Amino acid sequence: MLRAYDIVVINADAEDEEIRGQRGYIIGEVTTDQIGVFIYDLERVWCLHPSDVKTTGESDDAARRNRGSPIRVNSKGEIIG
């Protein structure tokens, strides 16, 4: 089960070639069809389907401490309520 601040790796078969194999952490609420992932190397947030990532079993505790509560984003990457 994916949760906010879990560190993930983007699957090699992800639709967007630019982020394949990249590491990041989940920045917001996980839904059945969407998650927001902050990609470390690109310093950007991407909206993905949960099946596009694999958890590493690690959590980004520094991000949790520095960012506060998880945020929700829509499919365009915009922060929502």
C-alpha atoms as a PDB file:
ATOM      1  CA  MET A   1       0.000   0.000   0.000  1.00  0.00           C
ATOM      2  CA  LEU A   2       1.422   3.372  -1.046  1.00  0.00           C
ATOM      3  CA  ARG A   3       1.392   6.297   1.379  1.00  0.00           C
ATOM      4  CA  ALA A   4       2.506   9.910   1.430  1.00  0.00           C
ATOM      5  CA  TYR A   5       6.301  10.252   1.700  1.00  0.00           C
ATOM      6  CA  ASP A   6       6.979   6.692   0.512  1.00  0.00           C
ATOM      7  CA  ILE A   7      10.024   6.644  -1.754  1.00  0.00           C
ATOM      8  CA  VAL A   8       9.229   5.073  -5.115  1.00  0.00           C
ATOM      9  CA  VAL A   9      10.923   4.226  -8.399  1.00  0.00           C
ATOM     10  CA  ILE A  10       9.087   4.942 -11.646  1.00  0.00           C
ATOM     11  CA  ASN A  11       8.585   1.746 -13.666  1.00  0.00           C
ATOM     12  CA  ALA A  12      10.673   1.174 -16.796  1.00  0.00           C
ATOM     13  CA  ASP A  13       7.486   0.955 -18.877  1.00  0.00           C
ATOM     14  CA  ALA A  14       5.968   4.245 -17.649  1.00  0.00           C
ATOM     15  CA  GLU A  15       4.337   6.285 -20.403  1.00  0.00           C
ATOM     16  CA  ASP A  16       6.660   9.276 -20.025  1.00  0.00           C
ATOM     17  CA  GLU A  17      10.180   8.271 -21.070  1.00  0.00           C
ATOM     18  CA  GLU A  18      11.746  11.212 -19.190  1.00  0.00           C
ATOM     19  CA  ILE A  19      10.860   9.801 -15.777  1.00  0.00           C
ATOM     20  CA  ARG A  20      11.416   6.061 -16.301  1.00  0.00           C
ATOM     21  CA  GLY A  21      13.654   4.650 -13.581  1.00  0.00           C
ATOM     22  CA  GLN A  22      13.660   7.914 -11.617  1.00  0.00           C
ATOM     23  CA  ARG A  23      13.300   7.980  -7.824  1.00  0.00           C
ATOM     24  CA  GLY A  24      10.975  10.250  -5.922  1.00  0.00           C
ATOM     25  CA  TYR A  25       8.530  10.388  -3.064  1.00  0.00           C
ATOM     26  CA  ILE A  26       4.762  10.508  -2.925  1.00  0.00           C
ATOM     27  CA  ILE A  27       3.687  14.042  -2.055  1.00  0.00           C
ATOM     28  CA  GLY A  28       0.010  13.621  -1.432  1.00  0.00           C
ATOM     29  CA  GLU A  29      -2.995  11.469  -0.994  1.00  0.00           C
ATOM     30  CA  VAL A  30      -2.929   8.157  -2.838  1.00  0.00           C
ATOM     31  CA  THR A  31      -6.108   7.350  -4.754  1.00  0.00           C
ATOM     32  CA  THR A  32      -6.965   4.316  -6.838  1.00  0.00           C
ATOM     33  CA  ASP A  33      -6.118   6.131 -10.056  1.00  0.00           C
ATOM     34  CA  GLN A  34      -3.697   8.955  -9.184  1.00  0.00           C
ATOM     35  CA  ILE A  35      -0.691   9.915  -7.080  1.00  0.00           C
ATOM     36  CA  GLY A  36       1.637  12.889  -7.084  1.00  0.00           C
ATOM     37  CA  VAL A  37       5.342  12.060  -7.062  1.00  0.00           C
ATOM     38  CA  PHE A  38       8.142  14.563  -6.511  1.00  0.00           C
ATOM     39  CA  ILE A  39      10.972  13.376  -8.781  1.00  0.00           C
ATOM     40  CA  TYR A  40      14.274  14.087  -7.024  1.00  0.00           C
ATOM     41  CA  ASP A  41      16.559  14.583 -10.040  1.00  0.00           C
ATOM     42  CA  LEU A  42      14.070  16.712 -11.968  1.00  0.00           C
ATOM     43  CA  GLU A  43      12.792  18.618  -8.922  1.00  0.00           C
ATOM     44  CA  ARG A  44       9.280  18.428 -10.326  1.00  0.00           C
ATOM     45  CA  VAL A  45       5.985  16.837  -9.415  1.00  0.00           C
ATOM     46  CA  TRP A  46       4.403  14.306 -11.777  1.00  0.00           C
ATOM     47  CA  CYS A  47       0.911  12.876 -11.570  1.00  0.00           C
ATOM     48  CA  LEU A  48       0.985   9.140 -12.128  1.00  0.00           C
ATOM     49  CA  HIS A  49      -1.152   6.060 -11.799  1.00  0.00           C
ATOM     50  CA  PRO A  50      -0.179   4.028  -8.705  1.00  0.00           C
ATOM     51  CA  SER A  51       0.698   1.080 -10.958  1.00  0.00           C
ATOM     52  CA  ASP A  52       3.424   3.250 -12.585  1.00  0.00           C
ATOM     53  CA  VAL A  53       5.599   3.105  -9.467  1.00  0.00           C
ATOM     54  CA  LYS A  54       7.277   0.552  -7.220  1.00  0.00           C
ATOM     55  CA  THR A  55       7.890   1.303  -3.569  1.00  0.00           C
ATOM     56  CA  THR A  56      11.413   0.966  -2.185  1.00  0.00           C
ATOM     57  CA  GLY A  57      10.158   0.315   1.342  1.00  0.00           C
ATOM     58  CA  GLU A  58      11.726   3.588   2.465  1.00  0.00           C
ATOM     59  CA  SER A  59      10.128   6.834   3.576  1.00  0.00           C
ATOM     60  CA  ASP A  60      11.476  10.351   3.013  1.00  0.00           C
ATOM     61  CA  ASP A  61      11.436  11.525   6.609  1.00  0.00           C
ATOM     62  CA  ALA A  62      13.261  14.766   5.780  1.00  0.00           C
ATOM     63  CA  ALA A  63      10.519  15.696   3.310  1.00  0.00           C
ATOM     64  CA  ARG A  64       7.883  14.869   5.915  1.00  0.00           C
ATOM     65  CA  ARG A  65       9.559  17.152   8.459  1.00  0.00           C
ATOM     66  CA  ASN A  66      10.184  19.975   5.986  1.00  0.00           C
ATOM     67  CA  ARG A  67       6.930  19.934   4.060  1.00  0.00           C
ATOM     68  CA  GLY A  68       4.283  19.334   6.690  1.00  0.00           C
ATOM     69  CA  SER A  69       1.004  17.723   5.725  1.00  0.00           C
ATOM     70  CA  PRO A  70       0.602  15.858   2.409  1.00  0.00           C
ATOM     71  CA  ILE A  71      -0.985  17.796  -0.433  1.00  0.00           C
ATOM     72  CA  ARG A  72      -3.437  16.731  -3.122  1.00  0.00           C
ATOM     73  CA  VAL A  73      -2.871  17.449  -6.806  1.00  0.00           C
ATOM     74  CA  ASN A  74      -5.073  17.007  -9.840  1.00  0.00           C
ATOM     75  CA  SER A  75      -4.097  15.362 -13.142  1.00  0.00           C
ATOM     76  CA  LYS A  76      -2.590  18.664 -14.329  1.00  0.00           C
ATOM     77  CA  GLY A  77      -0.306  18.892 -11.292  1.00  0.00           C
ATOM     78  CA  GLU A  78      -2.309  21.708  -9.719  1.00  0.00           C
ATOM     79  CA  ILE A  79      -2.678  21.697  -5.942  1.00  0.00           C
ATOM     80  CA  ILE A  80      -6.257  21.076  -4.853  1.00  0.00           C
ATOM     81  CA  GLY A  81      -8.102  21.374  -1.521  1.00  0.00           C
END
